[in-house]
């Protein structure tokens, strides 16, 4: 286990997760798969897998916390998962022939050679990025905003180097809608309660603080009014329009598409089954669809200390080679390390 923590590689980490359980026909797919791994040194690793269609990361952490509290026989009040989401967001019954845009549009999928890498932004790097991003337009930017903007900036520069000229880009970011309602919905509300924002960018948008401002502005559009519109009679049309807009602004031949999702501030490093809090909590998303997947995608997670960000980045192989030689990028990242063991 110590060797994995010092030099984490997906080829080893994949063996700790029961991802094969979901790579089957939909009618026989399990809802949650759990694999317990016991090392000779005495360490334990839990691997989890779940279909995103019905469960998101917030639901997963709720299930883990409840399970851990029951195992620990905690004296504190146990927060059980909340299953009332269908009364807040009533199911939509589609009429025959109704054309609904796919949630995962073609702009997310890309064939070709791609690689996954882990990059750690420690507390010092995050503080520097926040200072660099702060401007009259953006005050007190978040960890997620500055790390997303920085990775996006460097990826766009790598794309320019590969294609020989700057390309327009679209950045998509998943957003948890629970905290966007008034009053906020409980985080233990079960479901895949996500929306997404899409930001069109040109070569002139490569200024770091401008990228941060654009990302913050896009997040602000997922507000209480928008979430309320997903509950009304026109909720299907609102959702479809959001998906159509994302597809409409994308030109596969002339543009790059980037997808971001954040698991930060969810508490994965606080789950305690009685052996103490975990040393590391991460994802192996790349391995689920090795042939055709979300190339140009990034998952952000907390470091164990809680003040840094671990980024799991999946990128075109040529662009990744350039990114890993980018002096500005390397100034801020620690590559393929678990922050607690750097």
C-alpha atoms as a PDB file:
ATOM      1  CA  UNK A   1       0.000   0.000   0.000  1.00  0.00           C
ATOM      2  CA  UNK A   2       2.848   2.377   0.836  1.00  0.00           C
ATOM      3  CA  UNK A   3       4.286   1.883  -2.667  1.00  0.00           C
ATOM      4  CA  UNK A   4       0.939   2.771  -4.257  1.00  0.00           C
ATOM      5  CA  UNK A   5       0.673   5.912  -2.131  1.00  0.00           C
ATOM      6  CA  UNK A   6       4.192   7.012  -3.036  1.00  0.00           C
ATOM      7  CA  UNK A   7       3.796   6.371  -6.763  1.00  0.00           C
ATOM      8  CA  UNK A   8       0.085   6.057  -7.608  1.00  0.00           C
ATOM      9  CA  UNK A   9      -0.593   4.564 -11.024  1.00  0.00           C
ATOM     10  CA  UNK A  10      -4.020   3.809 -12.421  1.00  0.00           C
ATOM     11  CA  UNK A  11      -2.866   0.381 -13.592  1.00  0.00           C
ATOM     12  CA  UNK A  12      -2.635  -0.590  -9.896  1.00  0.00           C
ATOM     13  CA  UNK A  13      -5.459   1.540  -8.522  1.00  0.00           C
ATOM     14  CA  UNK A  14      -7.913   0.078 -11.043  1.00  0.00           C
ATOM     15  CA  UNK A  15      -7.499  -3.326  -9.380  1.00  0.00           C
ATOM     16  CA  UNK A  16      -8.894  -1.863  -6.147  1.00  0.00           C
ATOM     17  CA  UNK A  17     -12.221  -0.842  -7.704  1.00  0.00           C
ATOM     18  CA  UNK A  18     -14.993  -3.181  -8.985  1.00  0.00           C
ATOM     19  CA  UNK A  19     -15.485  -1.174 -12.161  1.00  0.00           C
ATOM     20  CA  UNK A  20     -16.170  -4.316 -14.213  1.00  0.00           C
ATOM     21  CA  UNK A  21     -19.472  -4.631 -12.311  1.00  0.00           C
ATOM     22  CA  UNK A  22     -20.888  -1.715 -14.298  1.00  0.00           C
ATOM     23  CA  UNK A  23     -19.478  -2.646 -17.698  1.00  0.00           C
ATOM     24  CA  UNK A  24     -22.442  -4.920 -18.436  1.00  0.00           C
ATOM     25  CA  UNK A  25     -25.871  -4.644 -20.017  1.00  0.00           C
ATOM     26  CA  UNK A  26     -28.079  -1.933 -18.436  1.00  0.00           C
ATOM     27  CA  UNK A  27     -30.839  -4.354 -17.429  1.00  0.00           C
ATOM     28  CA  UNK A  28     -28.434  -6.341 -15.214  1.00  0.00           C
ATOM     29  CA  UNK A  29     -26.299  -3.447 -14.000  1.00  0.00           C
ATOM     30  CA  UNK A  30     -25.800  -3.160 -10.249  1.00  0.00           C
ATOM     31  CA  UNK A  31     -26.652   0.133  -8.555  1.00  0.00           C
ATOM     32  CA  UNK A  32     -23.656   0.214  -6.215  1.00  0.00           C
ATOM     33  CA  UNK A  33     -20.565  -2.013  -6.281  1.00  0.00           C
ATOM     34  CA  UNK A  34     -18.141  -2.176  -3.336  1.00  0.00           C
ATOM     35  CA  UNK A  35     -14.781  -3.932  -3.155  1.00  0.00           C
ATOM     36  CA  UNK A  36     -12.782  -4.286   0.086  1.00  0.00           C
ATOM     37  CA  UNK A  37      -9.009  -4.634  -0.395  1.00  0.00           C
ATOM     38  CA  UNK A  38      -6.768  -5.792   2.475  1.00  0.00           C
ATOM     39  CA  UNK A  39      -3.004  -5.342   2.117  1.00  0.00           C
ATOM     40  CA  UNK A  40      -0.349  -7.541   3.750  1.00  0.00           C
ATOM     41  CA  UNK A  41       0.865  -4.481   5.669  1.00  0.00           C
ATOM     42  CA  UNK A  42      -2.535  -4.246   7.367  1.00  0.00           C
ATOM     43  CA  UNK A  43      -3.889  -1.366   5.329  1.00  0.00           C
ATOM     44  CA  UNK A  44      -7.396  -1.364   3.883  1.00  0.00           C
ATOM     45  CA  UNK A  45      -8.700   0.270   0.705  1.00  0.00           C
ATOM     46  CA  UNK A  46     -12.377   0.536  -0.220  1.00  0.00           C
ATOM     47  CA  UNK A  47     -13.267   0.742  -3.897  1.00  0.00           C
ATOM     48  CA  UNK A  48     -16.703   2.005  -4.946  1.00  0.00           C
ATOM     49  CA  UNK A  49     -18.516   2.211  -8.261  1.00  0.00           C
ATOM     50  CA  UNK A  50     -21.964   3.518  -9.101  1.00  0.00           C
ATOM     51  CA  UNK A  51     -23.983   4.559 -12.176  1.00  0.00           C
ATOM     52  CA  UNK A  52     -24.030   8.328 -12.509  1.00  0.00           C
ATOM     53  CA  UNK A  53     -27.533   8.136 -13.962  1.00  0.00           C
ATOM     54  CA  UNK A  54     -29.009   7.718 -10.479  1.00  0.00           C
ATOM     55  CA  UNK A  55     -26.221   8.720  -8.081  1.00  0.00           C
ATOM     56  CA  UNK A  56     -23.819  11.655  -7.971  1.00  0.00           C
ATOM     57  CA  UNK A  57     -20.779  12.271  -5.761  1.00  0.00           C
ATOM     58  CA  UNK A  58     -22.855  14.037  -3.083  1.00  0.00           C
ATOM     59  CA  UNK A  59     -25.105  10.974  -2.827  1.00  0.00           C
ATOM     60  CA  UNK A  60     -22.089   8.695  -2.663  1.00  0.00           C
ATOM     61  CA  UNK A  61     -20.548  10.582   0.261  1.00  0.00           C
ATOM     62  CA  UNK A  62     -23.924  10.529   2.043  1.00  0.00           C
ATOM     63  CA  UNK A  63     -24.103   6.736   1.690  1.00  0.00           C
ATOM     64  CA  UNK A  64     -20.507   6.361   2.882  1.00  0.00           C
ATOM     65  CA  UNK A  65     -21.023   8.599   5.917  1.00  0.00           C
ATOM     66  CA  UNK A  66     -24.148   6.688   6.964  1.00  0.00           C
ATOM     67  CA  UNK A  67     -22.423   3.336   6.551  1.00  0.00           C
ATOM     68  CA  UNK A  68     -19.370   4.560   8.482  1.00  0.00           C
ATOM     69  CA  UNK A  69     -21.504   5.974  11.318  1.00  0.00           C
ATOM     70  CA  UNK A  70     -23.365   2.666  11.671  1.00  0.00           C
ATOM     71  CA  UNK A  71     -20.088   0.712  11.649  1.00  0.00           C
ATOM     72  CA  UNK A  72     -18.587   3.086  14.200  1.00  0.00           C
ATOM     73  CA  UNK A  73     -21.733   2.913  16.355  1.00  0.00           C
ATOM     74  CA  UNK A  74     -21.508   6.662  16.653  1.00  0.00           C
ATOM     75  CA  UNK A  75     -23.233   8.418  19.550  1.00  0.00           C
ATOM     76  CA  UNK A  76     -24.007  11.309  17.238  1.00  0.00           C
ATOM     77  CA  UNK A  77     -27.283  11.490  15.362  1.00  0.00           C
ATOM     78  CA  UNK A  78     -26.889   9.541  12.139  1.00  0.00           C
ATOM     79  CA  UNK A  79     -27.801  11.388   8.950  1.00  0.00           C
ATOM     80  CA  UNK A  80     -29.502   8.800   6.770  1.00  0.00           C
ATOM     81  CA  UNK A  81     -29.820   9.363   3.005  1.00  0.00           C
ATOM     82  CA  UNK A  82     -32.857  11.439   2.060  1.00  0.00           C
ATOM     83  CA  UNK A  83     -35.049   9.877  -0.657  1.00  0.00           C
ATOM     84  CA  UNK A  84     -37.549  12.686  -1.350  1.00  0.00           C
ATOM     85  CA  UNK A  85     -35.872  14.106  -4.475  1.00  0.00           C
ATOM     86  CA  UNK A  86     -38.671  12.817  -6.726  1.00  0.00           C
ATOM     87  CA  UNK A  87     -41.177  15.003  -4.871  1.00  0.00           C
ATOM     88  CA  UNK A  88     -38.958  18.069  -5.326  1.00  0.00           C
ATOM     89  CA  UNK A  89     -38.092  17.303  -8.950  1.00  0.00           C
ATOM     90  CA  UNK A  90     -41.078  15.268 -10.237  1.00  0.00           C
ATOM     91  CA  UNK A  91     -40.247  12.612 -12.844  1.00  0.00           C
ATOM     92  CA  UNK A  92     -40.829  13.613 -16.448  1.00  0.00           C
ATOM     93  CA  UNK A  93     -43.024  11.317 -18.520  1.00  0.00           C
ATOM     94  CA  UNK A  94     -41.932  11.575 -22.144  1.00  0.00           C
ATOM     95  CA  UNK A  95     -44.526  11.355 -24.866  1.00  0.00           C
ATOM     96  CA  UNK A  96     -43.799   8.986 -27.788  1.00  0.00           C
ATOM     97  CA  UNK A  97     -41.514  10.577 -30.352  1.00  0.00           C
ATOM     98  CA  UNK A  98     -40.309  13.311 -28.005  1.00  0.00           C
ATOM     99  CA  UNK A  99     -36.796  14.267 -29.083  1.00  0.00           C
ATOM    100  CA  UNK A 100     -34.590  14.945 -26.059  1.00  0.00           C
ATOM    101  CA  UNK A 101     -30.941  15.969 -26.552  1.00  0.00           C
ATOM    102  CA  UNK A 102     -28.482  13.554 -24.923  1.00  0.00           C
ATOM    103  CA  UNK A 103     -27.112  14.630 -21.555  1.00  0.00           C
ATOM    104  CA  UNK A 104     -23.682  13.534 -22.742  1.00  0.00           C
ATOM    105  CA  UNK A 105     -23.518  15.154 -26.163  1.00  0.00           C
ATOM    106  CA  UNK A 106     -21.050  14.443 -28.942  1.00  0.00           C
ATOM    107  CA  UNK A 107     -18.970  17.436 -27.857  1.00  0.00           C
ATOM    108  CA  UNK A 108     -17.830  15.405 -24.828  1.00  0.00           C
ATOM    109  CA  UNK A 109     -16.773  12.267 -26.703  1.00  0.00           C
ATOM    110  CA  UNK A 110     -13.616  11.923 -28.738  1.00  0.00           C
ATOM    111  CA  UNK A 111     -11.875   8.936 -30.289  1.00  0.00           C
ATOM    112  CA  UNK A 112      -8.104   8.742 -30.219  1.00  0.00           C
ATOM    113  CA  UNK A 113      -5.060   8.241 -28.047  1.00  0.00           C
ATOM    114  CA  UNK A 114      -5.470   9.793 -24.634  1.00  0.00           C
ATOM    115  CA  UNK A 115      -3.722   9.542 -21.302  1.00  0.00           C
ATOM    116  CA  UNK A 116      -4.611  10.309 -17.710  1.00  0.00           C
ATOM    117  CA  UNK A 117      -2.353  12.085 -15.250  1.00  0.00           C
ATOM    118  CA  UNK A 118      -2.661  13.218 -11.620  1.00  0.00           C
ATOM    119  CA  UNK A 119      -1.500  16.665 -10.623  1.00  0.00           C
ATOM    120  CA  UNK A 120      -1.504  18.054  -7.089  1.00  0.00           C
ATOM    121  CA  UNK A 121      -1.906  21.760  -6.367  1.00  0.00           C
ATOM    122  CA  UNK A 122      -0.812  22.136  -2.746  1.00  0.00           C
ATOM    123  CA  UNK A 123      -1.896  24.965  -0.431  1.00  0.00           C
ATOM    124  CA  UNK A 124       0.996  27.190  -1.536  1.00  0.00           C
ATOM    125  CA  UNK A 125       0.170  26.754  -5.228  1.00  0.00           C
ATOM    126  CA  UNK A 126      -3.531  27.435  -4.619  1.00  0.00           C
ATOM    127  CA  UNK A 127      -2.699  30.595  -2.646  1.00  0.00           C
ATOM    128  CA  UNK A 128      -0.481  31.843  -5.490  1.00  0.00           C
ATOM    129  CA  UNK A 129      -3.206  31.166  -8.056  1.00  0.00           C
ATOM    130  CA  UNK A 130      -5.788  32.985  -5.927  1.00  0.00           C
ATOM    131  CA  UNK A 131      -3.493  36.000  -5.633  1.00  0.00           C
ATOM    132  CA  UNK A 132      -2.873  35.916  -9.377  1.00  0.00           C
ATOM    133  CA  UNK A 133      -6.598  35.721 -10.149  1.00  0.00           C
ATOM    134  CA  UNK A 134      -7.804  38.438  -7.786  1.00  0.00           C
ATOM    135  CA  UNK A 135      -8.887  41.553  -9.672  1.00  0.00           C
ATOM    136  CA  UNK A 136     -11.547  44.231  -9.670  1.00  0.00           C
ATOM    137  CA  UNK A 137     -13.868  41.725 -11.372  1.00  0.00           C
ATOM    138  CA  UNK A 138     -13.094  38.800  -9.064  1.00  0.00           C
ATOM    139  CA  UNK A 139     -12.569  39.035  -5.321  1.00  0.00           C
ATOM    140  CA  UNK A 140     -11.863  36.009  -3.137  1.00  0.00           C
ATOM    141  CA  UNK A 141     -11.940  33.373  -5.918  1.00  0.00           C
ATOM    142  CA  UNK A 142     -12.442  29.769  -4.804  1.00  0.00           C
ATOM    143  CA  UNK A 143      -9.959  26.890  -5.092  1.00  0.00           C
ATOM    144  CA  UNK A 144     -12.105  25.238  -7.746  1.00  0.00           C
ATOM    145  CA  UNK A 145     -12.408  28.414  -9.820  1.00  0.00           C
ATOM    146  CA  UNK A 146      -8.679  29.201  -9.920  1.00  0.00           C
ATOM    147  CA  UNK A 147      -7.526  25.611 -10.503  1.00  0.00           C
ATOM    148  CA  UNK A 148     -10.140  25.093 -13.232  1.00  0.00           C
ATOM    149  CA  UNK A 149      -9.100  28.331 -14.953  1.00  0.00           C
ATOM    150  CA  UNK A 150      -5.390  27.533 -14.706  1.00  0.00           C
ATOM    151  CA  UNK A 151      -5.735  24.017 -16.116  1.00  0.00           C
ATOM    152  CA  UNK A 152      -8.003  25.320 -18.879  1.00  0.00           C
ATOM    153  CA  UNK A 153      -5.507  28.059 -19.774  1.00  0.00           C
ATOM    154  CA  UNK A 154      -2.610  25.603 -20.010  1.00  0.00           C
ATOM    155  CA  UNK A 155      -4.649  23.034 -21.979  1.00  0.00           C
ATOM    156  CA  UNK A 156      -5.679  25.686 -24.507  1.00  0.00           C
ATOM    157  CA  UNK A 157      -2.018  26.645 -24.896  1.00  0.00           C
ATOM    158  CA  UNK A 158      -1.094  22.980 -25.481  1.00  0.00           C
ATOM    159  CA  UNK A 159      -3.822  22.688 -28.127  1.00  0.00           C
ATOM    160  CA  UNK A 160      -2.448  25.769 -29.872  1.00  0.00           C
ATOM    161  CA  UNK A 161       1.009  24.171 -29.971  1.00  0.00           C
ATOM    162  CA  UNK A 162      -0.365  20.953 -31.520  1.00  0.00           C
ATOM    163  CA  UNK A 163      -2.575  22.600 -34.158  1.00  0.00           C
ATOM    164  CA  UNK A 164      -0.202  25.464 -34.931  1.00  0.00           C
ATOM    165  CA  UNK A 165      -2.802  28.149 -34.284  1.00  0.00           C
ATOM    166  CA  UNK A 166      -5.188  29.078 -31.472  1.00  0.00           C
ATOM    167  CA  UNK A 167      -8.580  27.356 -31.434  1.00  0.00           C
ATOM    168  CA  UNK A 168     -11.802  28.476 -29.844  1.00  0.00           C
ATOM    169  CA  UNK A 169     -12.889  26.324 -26.917  1.00  0.00           C
ATOM    170  CA  UNK A 170     -15.949  25.408 -24.899  1.00  0.00           C
ATOM    171  CA  UNK A 171     -15.575  24.652 -21.203  1.00  0.00           C
ATOM    172  CA  UNK A 172     -18.322  22.650 -19.494  1.00  0.00           C
ATOM    173  CA  UNK A 173     -18.515  22.392 -15.706  1.00  0.00           C
ATOM    174  CA  UNK A 174     -20.862  20.188 -13.681  1.00  0.00           C
ATOM    175  CA  UNK A 175     -22.719  22.010 -10.886  1.00  0.00           C
ATOM    176  CA  UNK A 176     -24.386  20.497  -7.815  1.00  0.00           C
ATOM    177  CA  UNK A 177     -27.820  22.181  -7.630  1.00  0.00           C
ATOM    178  CA  UNK A 178     -28.518  21.313  -3.976  1.00  0.00           C
ATOM    179  CA  UNK A 179     -26.839  24.419  -2.584  1.00  0.00           C
ATOM    180  CA  UNK A 180     -28.256  26.629  -5.347  1.00  0.00           C
ATOM    181  CA  UNK A 181     -31.858  26.494  -4.138  1.00  0.00           C
ATOM    182  CA  UNK A 182     -33.454  28.825  -1.602  1.00  0.00           C
ATOM    183  CA  UNK A 183     -33.442  27.407   0.968  1.00  0.00           C
ATOM    184  CA  UNK A 184     -30.639  24.998   0.040  1.00  0.00           C
ATOM    185  CA  UNK A 185     -31.510  21.332  -0.326  1.00  0.00           C
ATOM    186  CA  UNK A 186     -29.834  18.900   2.088  1.00  0.00           C
ATOM    187  CA  UNK A 187     -26.577  17.450   0.788  1.00  0.00           C
ATOM    188  CA  UNK A 188     -27.800  13.946   1.697  1.00  0.00           C
ATOM    189  CA  UNK A 189     -30.627  14.193  -0.854  1.00  0.00           C
ATOM    190  CA  UNK A 190     -30.243  11.083  -3.021  1.00  0.00           C
ATOM    191  CA  UNK A 191     -30.073  11.433  -6.788  1.00  0.00           C
ATOM    192  CA  UNK A 192     -27.951  12.768  -9.618  1.00  0.00           C
ATOM    193  CA  UNK A 193     -28.857  16.390  -8.916  1.00  0.00           C
ATOM    194  CA  UNK A 194     -26.544  18.101 -11.354  1.00  0.00           C
ATOM    195  CA  UNK A 195     -26.694  20.802 -13.946  1.00  0.00           C
ATOM    196  CA  UNK A 196     -23.896  22.117 -16.107  1.00  0.00           C
ATOM    197  CA  UNK A 197     -22.616  25.429 -17.378  1.00  0.00           C
ATOM    198  CA  UNK A 198     -20.982  25.933 -20.768  1.00  0.00           C
ATOM    199  CA  UNK A 199     -18.556  28.755 -21.496  1.00  0.00           C
ATOM    200  CA  UNK A 200     -17.375  29.628 -24.992  1.00  0.00           C
ATOM    201  CA  UNK A 201     -13.810  30.923 -25.096  1.00  0.00           C
ATOM    202  CA  UNK A 202     -11.607  32.389 -27.818  1.00  0.00           C
ATOM    203  CA  UNK A 203      -7.846  32.823 -28.005  1.00  0.00           C
ATOM    204  CA  UNK A 204      -8.271  36.312 -26.550  1.00  0.00           C
ATOM    205  CA  UNK A 205      -9.664  34.771 -23.344  1.00  0.00           C
ATOM    206  CA  UNK A 206      -6.340  33.259 -22.295  1.00  0.00           C
ATOM    207  CA  UNK A 207      -5.752  35.890 -19.622  1.00  0.00           C
ATOM    208  CA  UNK A 208      -5.929  33.981 -16.360  1.00  0.00           C
ATOM    209  CA  UNK A 209      -8.031  36.470 -14.381  1.00  0.00           C
ATOM    210  CA  UNK A 210     -10.468  36.771 -17.306  1.00  0.00           C
ATOM    211  CA  UNK A 211     -10.933  32.993 -17.320  1.00  0.00           C
ATOM    212  CA  UNK A 212     -11.623  33.005 -13.585  1.00  0.00           C
ATOM    213  CA  UNK A 213     -14.177  35.800 -14.049  1.00  0.00           C
ATOM    214  CA  UNK A 214     -15.917  33.887 -16.875  1.00  0.00           C
ATOM    215  CA  UNK A 215     -16.112  30.704 -14.805  1.00  0.00           C
ATOM    216  CA  UNK A 216     -17.488  32.517 -11.755  1.00  0.00           C
ATOM    217  CA  UNK A 217     -20.069  34.328 -13.897  1.00  0.00           C
ATOM    218  CA  UNK A 218     -21.218  31.044 -15.471  1.00  0.00           C
ATOM    219  CA  UNK A 219     -21.595  29.393 -12.060  1.00  0.00           C
ATOM    220  CA  UNK A 220     -23.740  32.319 -10.955  1.00  0.00           C
ATOM    221  CA  UNK A 221     -26.329  31.492 -13.625  1.00  0.00           C
ATOM    222  CA  UNK A 222     -27.203  28.264 -11.810  1.00  0.00           C
ATOM    223  CA  UNK A 223     -29.173  30.117  -9.156  1.00  0.00           C
ATOM    224  CA  UNK A 224     -32.405  29.620  -7.215  1.00  0.00           C
ATOM    225  CA  UNK A 225     -34.538  30.874 -10.119  1.00  0.00           C
ATOM    226  CA  UNK A 226     -32.925  28.453 -12.567  1.00  0.00           C
ATOM    227  CA  UNK A 227     -33.297  25.478 -10.217  1.00  0.00           C
ATOM    228  CA  UNK A 228     -36.920  26.460  -9.585  1.00  0.00           C
ATOM    229  CA  UNK A 229     -37.531  26.355 -13.343  1.00  0.00           C
ATOM    230  CA  UNK A 230     -36.477  22.680 -13.253  1.00  0.00           C
ATOM    231  CA  UNK A 231     -39.422  21.979 -10.953  1.00  0.00           C
ATOM    232  CA  UNK A 232     -42.192  23.622 -12.983  1.00  0.00           C
ATOM    233  CA  UNK A 233     -44.371  22.392 -15.851  1.00  0.00           C
ATOM    234  CA  UNK A 234     -41.792  23.552 -18.406  1.00  0.00           C
ATOM    235  CA  UNK A 235     -38.898  21.760 -16.695  1.00  0.00           C
ATOM    236  CA  UNK A 236     -38.276  19.442 -19.639  1.00  0.00           C
ATOM    237  CA  UNK A 237     -38.030  22.361 -22.057  1.00  0.00           C
ATOM    238  CA  UNK A 238     -35.679  24.222 -19.707  1.00  0.00           C
ATOM    239  CA  UNK A 239     -33.417  21.184 -19.455  1.00  0.00           C
ATOM    240  CA  UNK A 240     -33.514  20.496 -23.198  1.00  0.00           C
ATOM    241  CA  UNK A 241     -32.666  24.107 -23.985  1.00  0.00           C
ATOM    242  CA  UNK A 242     -29.636  23.942 -21.695  1.00  0.00           C
ATOM    243  CA  UNK A 243     -28.423  20.823 -23.504  1.00  0.00           C
ATOM    244  CA  UNK A 244     -29.132  22.288 -26.956  1.00  0.00           C
ATOM    245  CA  UNK A 245     -27.160  25.430 -26.131  1.00  0.00           C
ATOM    246  CA  UNK A 246     -24.132  23.352 -25.177  1.00  0.00           C
ATOM    247  CA  UNK A 247     -24.282  21.487 -28.506  1.00  0.00           C
ATOM    248  CA  UNK A 248     -25.101  24.601 -30.535  1.00  0.00           C
ATOM    249  CA  UNK A 249     -21.955  26.510 -29.600  1.00  0.00           C
ATOM    250  CA  UNK A 250     -19.653  23.601 -30.388  1.00  0.00           C
ATOM    251  CA  UNK A 251     -17.980  23.055 -33.766  1.00  0.00           C
ATOM    252  CA  UNK A 252     -16.042  19.784 -33.628  1.00  0.00           C
ATOM    253  CA  UNK A 253     -13.707  20.671 -36.517  1.00  0.00           C
ATOM    254  CA  UNK A 254     -12.714  24.103 -35.228  1.00  0.00           C
ATOM    255  CA  UNK A 255     -13.127  23.931 -31.474  1.00  0.00           C
ATOM    256  CA  UNK A 256     -11.917  22.053 -28.425  1.00  0.00           C
ATOM    257  CA  UNK A 257     -14.266  20.933 -25.670  1.00  0.00           C
ATOM    258  CA  UNK A 258     -13.225  20.593 -22.021  1.00  0.00           C
ATOM    259  CA  UNK A 259     -15.243  19.056 -19.214  1.00  0.00           C
ATOM    260  CA  UNK A 260     -14.686  19.713 -15.492  1.00  0.00           C
ATOM    261  CA  UNK A 261     -16.280  18.232 -12.402  1.00  0.00           C
ATOM    262  CA  UNK A 262     -15.435  19.025  -8.784  1.00  0.00           C
ATOM    263  CA  UNK A 263     -15.664  16.685  -5.805  1.00  0.00           C
ATOM    264  CA  UNK A 264     -14.088  19.287  -3.535  1.00  0.00           C
ATOM    265  CA  UNK A 265     -15.615  20.192  -0.165  1.00  0.00           C
ATOM    266  CA  UNK A 266     -17.674  16.996  -0.040  1.00  0.00           C
ATOM    267  CA  UNK A 267     -15.815  15.373   2.837  1.00  0.00           C
ATOM    268  CA  UNK A 268     -14.385  12.207   1.281  1.00  0.00           C
ATOM    269  CA  UNK A 269     -11.367  12.484   3.595  1.00  0.00           C
ATOM    270  CA  UNK A 270     -13.611  12.631   6.682  1.00  0.00           C
ATOM    271  CA  UNK A 271     -15.263   9.212   6.332  1.00  0.00           C
ATOM    272  CA  UNK A 272     -14.289   7.149   9.388  1.00  0.00           C
ATOM    273  CA  UNK A 273     -15.217   3.471   9.763  1.00  0.00           C
ATOM    274  CA  UNK A 274     -13.365   3.221  13.069  1.00  0.00           C
ATOM    275  CA  UNK A 275      -9.787   2.974  11.788  1.00  0.00           C
ATOM    276  CA  UNK A 276      -9.279   6.706  11.416  1.00  0.00           C
ATOM    277  CA  UNK A 277      -9.796   8.996   8.452  1.00  0.00           C
ATOM    278  CA  UNK A 278      -8.546   7.908   5.019  1.00  0.00           C
ATOM    279  CA  UNK A 279      -5.070   8.784   3.828  1.00  0.00           C
ATOM    280  CA  UNK A 280      -6.278   9.224   0.249  1.00  0.00           C
ATOM    281  CA  UNK A 281      -9.566   9.531  -1.615  1.00  0.00           C
ATOM    282  CA  UNK A 282      -9.447   9.660  -5.403  1.00  0.00           C
ATOM    283  CA  UNK A 283     -11.084   8.587  -8.676  1.00  0.00           C
ATOM    284  CA  UNK A 284     -10.112   6.345 -11.590  1.00  0.00           C
ATOM    285  CA  UNK A 285     -12.654   7.680 -14.064  1.00  0.00           C
ATOM    286  CA  UNK A 286     -10.418   7.171 -17.098  1.00  0.00           C
ATOM    287  CA  UNK A 287     -10.579   3.384 -16.938  1.00  0.00           C
ATOM    288  CA  UNK A 288     -14.335   3.039 -17.320  1.00  0.00           C
ATOM    289  CA  UNK A 289     -14.395   3.787 -21.054  1.00  0.00           C
ATOM    290  CA  UNK A 290     -10.834   3.314 -22.344  1.00  0.00           C
ATOM    291  CA  UNK A 291     -11.632   3.501 -26.061  1.00  0.00           C
ATOM    292  CA  UNK A 292     -13.971   6.489 -26.277  1.00  0.00           C
ATOM    293  CA  UNK A 293     -14.296   8.752 -23.312  1.00  0.00           C
ATOM    294  CA  UNK A 294     -14.301  12.301 -22.064  1.00  0.00           C
ATOM    295  CA  UNK A 295     -10.987  13.305 -23.606  1.00  0.00           C
ATOM    296  CA  UNK A 296     -10.112  16.797 -22.352  1.00  0.00           C
ATOM    297  CA  UNK A 297     -11.751  16.128 -19.002  1.00  0.00           C
ATOM    298  CA  UNK A 298     -10.740  16.909 -15.454  1.00  0.00           C
ATOM    299  CA  UNK A 299     -11.963  15.806 -12.018  1.00  0.00           C
ATOM    300  CA  UNK A 300     -10.985  17.948  -9.031  1.00  0.00           C
ATOM    301  CA  UNK A 301     -10.734  16.479  -5.531  1.00  0.00           C
ATOM    302  CA  UNK A 302      -9.565  17.693  -2.134  1.00  0.00           C
ATOM    303  CA  UNK A 303      -6.100  16.806  -0.938  1.00  0.00           C
ATOM    304  CA  UNK A 304      -5.978  15.120   2.446  1.00  0.00           C
ATOM    305  CA  UNK A 305      -5.046  18.411   4.118  1.00  0.00           C
ATOM    306  CA  UNK A 306      -8.187  20.026   2.680  1.00  0.00           C
ATOM    307  CA  UNK A 307      -6.459  23.160   1.409  1.00  0.00           C
ATOM    308  CA  UNK A 308      -5.120  21.838  -1.884  1.00  0.00           C
ATOM    309  CA  UNK A 309      -6.583  20.244  -5.016  1.00  0.00           C
ATOM    310  CA  UNK A 310      -5.806  16.962  -6.744  1.00  0.00           C
ATOM    311  CA  UNK A 311      -6.611  17.092 -10.447  1.00  0.00           C
ATOM    312  CA  UNK A 312      -7.194  13.936 -12.489  1.00  0.00           C
ATOM    313  CA  UNK A 313      -6.735  15.143 -16.059  1.00  0.00           C
ATOM    314  CA  UNK A 314      -7.486  13.147 -19.220  1.00  0.00           C
ATOM    315  CA  UNK A 315      -6.040  14.714 -22.349  1.00  0.00           C
ATOM    316  CA  UNK A 316      -4.989  13.938 -25.902  1.00  0.00           C
ATOM    317  CA  UNK A 317      -1.585  12.249 -25.729  1.00  0.00           C
ATOM    318  CA  UNK A 318       0.245  14.874 -27.810  1.00  0.00           C
ATOM    319  CA  UNK A 319      -1.269  17.725 -25.845  1.00  0.00           C
ATOM    320  CA  UNK A 320      -0.399  16.037 -22.548  1.00  0.00           C
ATOM    321  CA  UNK A 321       3.234  15.736 -23.645  1.00  0.00           C
ATOM    322  CA  UNK A 322       3.313  19.487 -24.248  1.00  0.00           C
ATOM    323  CA  UNK A 323       1.502  20.266 -21.008  1.00  0.00           C
ATOM    324  CA  UNK A 324       4.018  18.249 -18.985  1.00  0.00           C
ATOM    325  CA  UNK A 325       6.823  20.407 -20.422  1.00  0.00           C
ATOM    326  CA  UNK A 326       5.024  23.721 -19.830  1.00  0.00           C
ATOM    327  CA  UNK A 327       7.225  25.683 -17.403  1.00  0.00           C
ATOM    328  CA  UNK A 328       4.319  27.785 -16.112  1.00  0.00           C
ATOM    329  CA  UNK A 329       2.205  24.682 -15.464  1.00  0.00           C
ATOM    330  CA  UNK A 330       5.041  22.840 -13.722  1.00  0.00           C
ATOM    331  CA  UNK A 331       5.632  25.845 -11.470  1.00  0.00           C
ATOM    332  CA  UNK A 332       2.338  25.134  -9.698  1.00  0.00           C
ATOM    333  CA  UNK A 333       1.908  21.344  -9.744  1.00  0.00           C
ATOM    334  CA  UNK A 334       3.318  18.221  -8.151  1.00  0.00           C
ATOM    335  CA  UNK A 335       2.897  15.370 -10.617  1.00  0.00           C
ATOM    336  CA  UNK A 336       1.304  11.989  -9.885  1.00  0.00           C
ATOM    337  CA  UNK A 337       1.771  12.234  -6.128  1.00  0.00           C
ATOM    338  CA  UNK A 338      -0.507  11.755  -3.149  1.00  0.00           C
ATOM    339  CA  UNK A 339      -0.156  15.080  -1.350  1.00  0.00           C
ATOM    340  CA  UNK A 340       0.280  13.528   2.105  1.00  0.00           C
ATOM    341  CA  UNK A 341       3.291  11.528   0.878  1.00  0.00           C
ATOM    342  CA  UNK A 342       5.088  14.131  -1.235  1.00  0.00           C
END
